[in-house]
C-alpha cells in the first residue's frame, strides 16, 4: 500500500477513534501520526536512539492515560512526544540533505579522479609519442651521419687530376681523394710519362691520369721507387 494512502487510512482511523472516545487527549493523535511518519522515513534504522526517546515519551503518555486515567498528564506527554517527533523529523531532513550533499561531493571527486587519470594517460601517451619521435629523429640523424661518414671514408675515386700551382707528384699522391699516400707517386708518374719529366716540376693546368686498377706488387714497387727518389 503506498505511503500516502496508509497515512490517510491511519488518520481516518485516529479520527474515528477520537470521535468514539470523547475524553481522548488532544495531542495523542498528532503524536501517533508523527511516530508513523518517522517509521515511514525509516528513522528506526537511521536514528534509533532518537526514535526510541520519542516512542518512550509517547508510551509514558499511554501509561498515564490507561493506568492512571490522568488525561491532562497524558496529554502533556503526548504533546512532548509530538514536539520531539517534529525535531527529529527536521533532523532527518537535514540528515538526508547531508547524505545527498556527501553523495554529490563524492560523485564530483570520483569524476575529478577519472578526469585526472584520463589526463595522466593522455600525458603519458603524448610523452611516449614524443620520445618515439625523438628516437626516430635521432636514428635518422645517425643514418645521415653514417652516410656522410661513409662518403668521407670512401671518397669517389678520381681517375684524373688537374695540377695546381706549386704541386709535386708526392703531394698529389698524398691527397685524400687520390691515394692518401705520397709514396705511391711513381704510379702517377709512370702513367703520365708523355707529359712529365721531373715529378717535382709540374705545370699548373696539366691533367694527369690517376691509375686505379693496380696490383699489390705494383704498389710495393712504387714505394720502393719512391724511397730511392729516382723516377
Protein backbone atom coordinates (compact mmCIF):
# COMPACT_ATOMS: atom_id res chain seq x y z
CA UNK A 1 0.00 0.00 0.00
CA UNK A 2 1.51 3.43 -0.91
CA UNK A 3 2.79 5.51 1.98
CA UNK A 4 0.35 8.39 1.43
CA UNK A 5 -2.62 6.04 1.33
CA UNK A 6 -1.53 4.36 4.55
CA UNK A 7 -1.24 7.74 6.27
CA UNK A 8 -4.72 8.72 5.11
CA UNK A 9 -6.15 5.45 6.41
CA UNK A 10 -4.38 5.93 9.74
CA UNK A 11 -5.67 9.48 10.08
CA UNK A 12 -9.22 8.29 9.38
CA UNK A 13 -8.84 5.55 11.99
CA UNK A 14 -7.49 8.02 14.53
CA UNK A 15 -10.27 10.50 13.78
CA UNK A 16 -12.83 7.73 14.21
CA UNK A 17 -11.25 6.69 17.47
CA UNK A 18 -11.20 10.29 18.61
CA UNK A 19 -14.91 10.59 17.85
CA UNK A 20 -15.71 7.44 19.78
CA UNK A 21 -13.73 8.46 22.84
CA UNK A 22 -14.72 11.96 23.82
CA UNK A 23 -12.06 12.06 26.51
CA UNK A 24 -9.10 11.14 24.23
CA UNK A 25 -6.29 13.70 24.86
CA UNK A 26 -5.83 16.42 22.21
CA UNK A 27 -2.17 15.65 21.36
CA UNK A 28 -2.43 11.89 21.22
CA UNK A 29 -3.48 11.64 17.55
CA UNK A 30 -0.78 14.13 16.43
CA UNK A 31 1.86 12.20 18.34
CA UNK A 32 0.70 8.90 16.82
CA UNK A 33 0.77 10.36 13.29
CA UNK A 34 4.25 11.76 13.87
CA UNK A 35 5.52 8.37 15.03
CA UNK A 36 4.04 6.73 11.94
CA UNK A 37 5.69 9.28 9.69
CA UNK A 38 9.02 8.67 11.40
CA UNK A 39 8.61 4.95 10.81
CA UNK A 40 7.88 5.56 7.14
CA UNK A 41 11.11 7.60 6.93
CA UNK A 42 12.97 4.58 8.39
CA UNK A 43 14.14 6.67 11.33
CA UNK A 44 14.20 3.49 13.42
CA UNK A 45 17.26 2.49 11.38
CA UNK A 46 18.94 5.87 10.80
CA UNK A 47 18.27 7.42 14.27
CA UNK A 48 17.38 4.50 16.57
CA UNK A 49 18.17 6.27 19.86
CA UNK A 50 16.27 9.46 18.98
CA UNK A 51 13.28 7.47 17.77
CA UNK A 52 13.36 5.40 20.95
CA UNK A 53 13.16 8.60 23.06
CA UNK A 54 10.11 9.86 21.11
CA UNK A 55 8.41 6.48 21.33
CA UNK A 56 9.22 6.18 25.04
CA UNK A 57 7.66 9.57 25.73
CA UNK A 58 4.54 8.55 23.86
CA UNK A 59 4.35 5.28 25.82
CA UNK A 60 4.58 7.22 29.07
CA UNK A 61 1.50 9.14 27.98
CA UNK A 62 -0.20 5.86 27.17
CA UNK A 63 0.60 4.56 30.67
CA UNK A 64 -0.75 7.71 32.33
CA UNK A 65 -3.93 7.50 30.30
CA UNK A 66 -4.52 3.78 30.69
CA UNK A 67 -3.23 3.02 34.17
CA UNK A 68 -3.93 6.28 35.97
CA UNK A 69 -6.66 7.81 33.79
CA UNK A 70 -4.84 11.13 34.05
CA UNK A 71 -5.75 12.73 30.75
CA UNK A 72 -4.03 16.04 31.41
CA UNK A 73 -0.69 14.46 32.38
CA UNK A 74 -1.01 12.03 29.49
CA UNK A 75 -1.74 14.90 27.11
CA UNK A 76 1.43 16.66 28.23
CA UNK A 77 3.45 13.53 27.41
CA UNK A 78 1.75 13.22 24.01
CA UNK A 79 2.50 16.88 23.32
CA UNK A 80 6.14 16.36 24.34
CA UNK A 81 6.35 13.26 22.13
CA UNK A 82 4.88 15.23 19.23
CA UNK A 83 7.38 18.08 19.70
CA UNK A 84 10.29 15.65 19.93
CA UNK A 85 9.00 13.97 16.79
CA UNK A 86 8.93 17.28 14.90
CA UNK A 87 12.53 18.00 15.95
CA UNK A 88 13.55 14.51 14.89
CA UNK A 89 11.77 14.90 11.54
CA UNK A 90 13.77 18.08 10.93
CA UNK A 91 16.97 16.30 11.87
CA UNK A 92 16.08 13.54 9.42
CA UNK A 93 15.52 16.10 6.67
CA UNK A 94 18.92 17.65 7.38
CA UNK A 95 20.48 14.20 7.61
CA UNK A 96 19.12 13.20 4.19
CA UNK A 97 20.22 16.52 2.69
CA UNK A 98 23.68 15.92 4.15
CA UNK A 99 23.75 12.43 2.64
CA UNK A 100 22.75 13.86 -0.74
CA UNK A 101 25.44 16.52 -0.50
CA UNK A 102 28.04 13.94 0.51
CA UNK A 103 26.97 11.75 -2.41
CA UNK A 104 27.19 14.74 -4.73
CA UNK A 105 30.65 15.67 -3.45
CA UNK A 106 31.75 12.05 -3.77
CA UNK A 107 30.50 11.95 -7.34
CA UNK A 108 32.38 15.18 -8.09
CA UNK A 109 35.57 13.77 -6.52
CA UNK A 110 35.24 10.49 -8.41
CA UNK A 111 34.68 12.36 -11.67
CA UNK A 112 37.71 14.55 -10.94
CA UNK A 113 39.78 11.42 -10.26
CA UNK A 114 38.63 9.84 -13.52
CA UNK A 115 39.42 13.03 -15.42
CA UNK A 116 42.85 13.25 -13.80
CA UNK A 117 43.54 9.61 -14.67
CA UNK A 118 42.45 10.31 -18.25
CA UNK A 119 44.74 13.36 -18.38
CA UNK A 120 47.60 11.31 -16.95
CA UNK A 121 47.05 8.61 -19.58
CA UNK A 122 46.95 11.22 -22.36
CA UNK A 123 50.08 12.91 -21.00
CA UNK A 124 51.88 9.57 -20.75
CA UNK A 125 50.84 8.72 -24.31
CA UNK A 126 51.93 12.16 -25.53
CA UNK A 127 55.27 11.78 -23.77
CA UNK A 128 55.72 8.28 -25.17
CA UNK A 129 54.89 9.54 -28.67
CA UNK A 130 57.32 12.43 -28.25
CA UNK A 131 60.08 10.08 -27.10
CA UNK A 132 59.34 7.83 -30.07
CA UNK A 133 59.55 10.77 -32.48
CA UNK A 134 62.79 11.95 -30.88
CA UNK A 135 64.22 8.44 -31.15
CA UNK A 136 63.21 8.29 -34.83
CA UNK A 137 64.81 11.69 -35.46
CA UNK A 138 67.97 10.57 -33.67
CA UNK A 139 68.04 7.39 -35.77
CA UNK A 140 67.56 9.36 -38.99
CA UNK A 141 70.30 11.80 -37.95
CA UNK A 142 72.60 8.88 -37.13
CA UNK A 143 71.87 7.33 -40.50
CA UNK A 144 72.63 10.62 -42.26
CA UNK A 145 75.87 10.95 -40.31
CA UNK A 146 76.77 7.38 -41.19
CA UNK A 147 76.08 8.15 -44.83
CA UNK A 148 78.32 11.24 -44.68
CA UNK A 149 81.00 9.25 -42.87
CA UNK A 150 80.75 6.56 -45.50
CA UNK A 151 81.22 9.13 -48.23
CA UNK A 152 84.22 10.62 -46.41
CA UNK A 153 85.68 7.18 -45.68
CA UNK A 154 85.11 6.03 -49.24
CA UNK A 155 85.51 9.12 -51.41
CA UNK A 156 84.87 8.97 -55.12
CA UNK A 157 87.97 7.59 -56.76
CA UNK A 158 89.14 10.16 -59.27
CA UNK A 159 90.73 8.89 -62.46
CA UNK A 160 92.19 12.25 -63.42
CA UNK A 161 93.58 15.29 -61.66
CA UNK A 162 94.40 18.85 -62.69
CA UNK A 163 97.70 20.12 -61.32
CA UNK A 164 97.67 23.27 -59.17
CA UNK A 165 100.45 25.79 -58.86
CA UNK A 166 103.42 24.54 -56.83
CA UNK A 167 102.24 20.92 -56.57
CA UNK A 168 104.53 17.92 -56.97
CA UNK A 169 103.69 14.28 -57.65
CA UNK A 170 104.27 13.22 -53.98
CA UNK A 171 101.91 15.99 -52.87
CA UNK A 172 99.29 14.93 -55.39
CA UNK A 173 99.56 11.22 -54.41
CA UNK A 174 99.13 12.21 -50.75
CA UNK A 175 95.74 13.88 -51.38
CA UNK A 176 92.86 12.02 -49.58
CA UNK A 177 90.75 11.87 -52.71
CA UNK A 178 93.61 10.21 -54.62
CA UNK A 179 95.92 7.73 -52.85
CA UNK A 180 96.35 9.38 -49.46
CA UNK A 181 99.87 8.02 -49.64
CA UNK A 182 102.71 10.17 -51.02
CA UNK A 183 104.89 7.08 -51.58
CA UNK A 184 102.61 5.97 -54.45
CA UNK A 185 103.52 8.90 -56.68
CA UNK A 186 105.54 6.64 -59.05
CA UNK A 187 102.22 5.11 -60.20
CA UNK A 188 101.10 8.54 -61.44
CA UNK A 189 104.49 9.22 -62.92
CA UNK A 190 104.57 6.03 -64.98
CA UNK A 191 101.02 6.66 -66.27
CA UNK A 192 101.95 10.17 -67.44
CA UNK A 193 105.49 9.81 -68.83
CA UNK A 194 104.39 11.54 -72.00
CA UNK A 195 104.00 14.86 -70.16
CA UNK A 196 106.18 14.55 -67.05
CA UNK A 197 109.96 14.70 -66.98
CA UNK A 198 110.52 15.59 -63.32
CA UNK A 199 107.98 14.51 -60.65
CA UNK A 200 108.93 17.58 -58.65
CA UNK A 201 108.36 20.03 -61.50
CA UNK A 202 104.84 20.12 -62.82
CA UNK A 203 102.94 22.74 -64.76
CA UNK A 204 99.69 24.22 -63.43
CA UNK A 205 96.76 23.06 -65.52
CA UNK A 206 98.27 19.74 -66.50
CA UNK A 207 95.68 16.95 -66.47
CA UNK A 208 97.19 13.77 -65.11
CA UNK A 209 95.78 10.27 -65.36
CA UNK A 210 95.35 8.59 -61.99
CA UNK A 211 95.76 4.80 -62.18
CA UNK A 212 93.29 2.82 -60.11
CA UNK A 213 93.44 -0.82 -61.08
CA UNK A 214 96.99 -1.60 -59.96
CA UNK A 215 98.20 -4.71 -58.21
CA UNK A 216 99.76 -5.07 -54.80
CA UNK A 217 103.11 -5.80 -56.41
CA UNK A 218 102.89 -2.57 -58.42
CA UNK A 219 102.16 -0.62 -55.25
CA UNK A 220 105.15 -2.18 -53.48
CA UNK A 221 107.37 -1.42 -56.40
CA UNK A 222 106.13 2.18 -56.45
CA UNK A 223 107.02 2.60 -52.76
CA UNK A 224 110.49 1.16 -53.33
CA UNK A 225 111.00 3.57 -56.19
CA UNK A 226 109.73 6.49 -54.11
CA UNK A 227 112.25 5.68 -51.38
CA UNK A 228 115.04 5.67 -53.95
CA UNK A 229 113.71 9.09 -55.05
CA UNK A 230 114.61 8.16 -58.61
CA UNK A 231 111.66 8.18 -61.05
